[in-house]
Protein backbone atom coordinates (compact mmCIF):
# COMPACT_ATOMS: atom_id res chain seq x y z
CA MET A 1 114.53 87.00 112.40
CA THR A 2 117.04 87.36 109.38
CA LEU A 3 117.22 89.89 106.82
CA GLY A 4 116.59 86.62 104.39
CA THR A 5 113.08 86.28 105.96
CA ILE A 6 112.34 89.70 105.75
CA ILE A 7 113.32 89.76 102.19
CA MET A 8 111.27 86.50 101.52
CA MET A 9 108.23 87.99 103.46
CA ALA A 10 108.51 91.16 101.27
CA ALA A 11 108.82 88.83 97.61
CA LEU A 12 105.58 86.84 99.37
CA GLY A 13 103.58 90.24 99.73
CA LEU A 14 104.09 91.44 96.74
CA MET A 15 103.34 87.54 95.25
CA SER A 16 100.19 87.79 96.70
CA LEU A 17 99.39 91.23 95.53
CA LEU A 18 99.68 90.00 92.38
CA GLY A 19 97.65 87.11 92.74
CA LEU A 20 94.79 89.85 94.06
CA PHE A 21 95.46 91.32 90.88
CA ALA A 22 95.47 88.19 88.51
CA ALA A 23 92.05 87.32 90.11
CA ALA A 24 90.24 90.92 89.93
CA ASN A 25 91.09 90.95 86.31
CA ALA A 26 90.31 87.18 85.34
CA VAL A 27 88.10 86.33 82.57
CA ASP A 28 88.19 82.37 82.75
CA ILE A 29 87.52 80.62 86.02
CA GLY A 30 91.50 79.35 85.47
CA MET A 31 92.51 82.43 86.14
CA THR A 32 90.53 83.64 88.94
CA VAL A 33 91.23 80.25 91.16
CA PHE A 34 94.69 80.48 90.25
CA GLY A 35 94.86 83.74 91.74
CA SER A 36 93.24 83.26 94.64
CA VAL A 37 95.47 80.28 95.51
CA LEU A 38 98.53 82.27 95.21
CA THR A 39 97.23 85.21 97.51
CA LEU A 40 96.18 82.45 99.60
CA PHE A 41 99.64 80.88 100.05
CA GLY A 42 101.48 83.95 99.73
CA VAL A 43 99.37 85.50 102.80
CA GLY A 44 99.83 81.64 104.35
CA MET A 45 103.72 81.30 104.23
CA ILE A 46 103.99 85.00 105.76
CA PHE A 47 101.87 84.23 108.62
CA TRP A 48 103.95 80.63 109.18
CA PHE A 49 107.54 82.73 108.64
CA LEU A 50 106.21 84.80 111.83
CA LYS A 51 104.84 81.63 113.79
CA ARG A 52 108.41 80.31 113.20
CA HIS A 53 109.54 83.46 114.53
CA PHE A 54 107.86 83.72 117.66
CA ASP A 55 107.87 80.17 118.40
CA GLU A 56 111.73 80.25 118.19
CA GLN A 57 112.01 83.08 120.08
CA ASP A 58 109.39 81.01 123.09
CA ALA A 59 112.22 78.65 122.77
CA ALA A 60 115.49 80.82 123.27
CA VAL A 61 113.09 82.12 126.48
CA ALA A 62 112.79 78.50 127.76
CA ARG A 63 116.55 77.91 127.10
CA GLY A 64 116.97 81.10 129.32
CA SER A 65 119.81 81.74 126.40
CA GLY A 66 118.78 85.04 126.61
CA GLU A 67 117.53 85.69 122.60
CA GLY A 68 114.15 86.08 123.97
CA VAL A 69 112.39 89.38 123.56
CA LEU A 70 111.44 89.31 127.43
CA ASP A 71 115.29 89.24 128.13
CA ARG A 72 116.01 92.57 126.11
CA VAL A 73 113.38 94.20 127.67
CA ALA A 74 114.46 93.38 131.09
């Protein structure tokens, strides 16, 4: 996982918290929906980044390139 990915995940986490704050303090349905969608988008993207990271590790192990987590342990 690169530093750029980690920074992006941190930014998405902050964006998700902002969405939760917006939804919790909303006075109309539009802001509630916006905050909820912003939160779901941020959390979904974080999980997608994690999935992509572990898929890349699995592919590296399958190729035998020595970049996988199992190669570092053994």
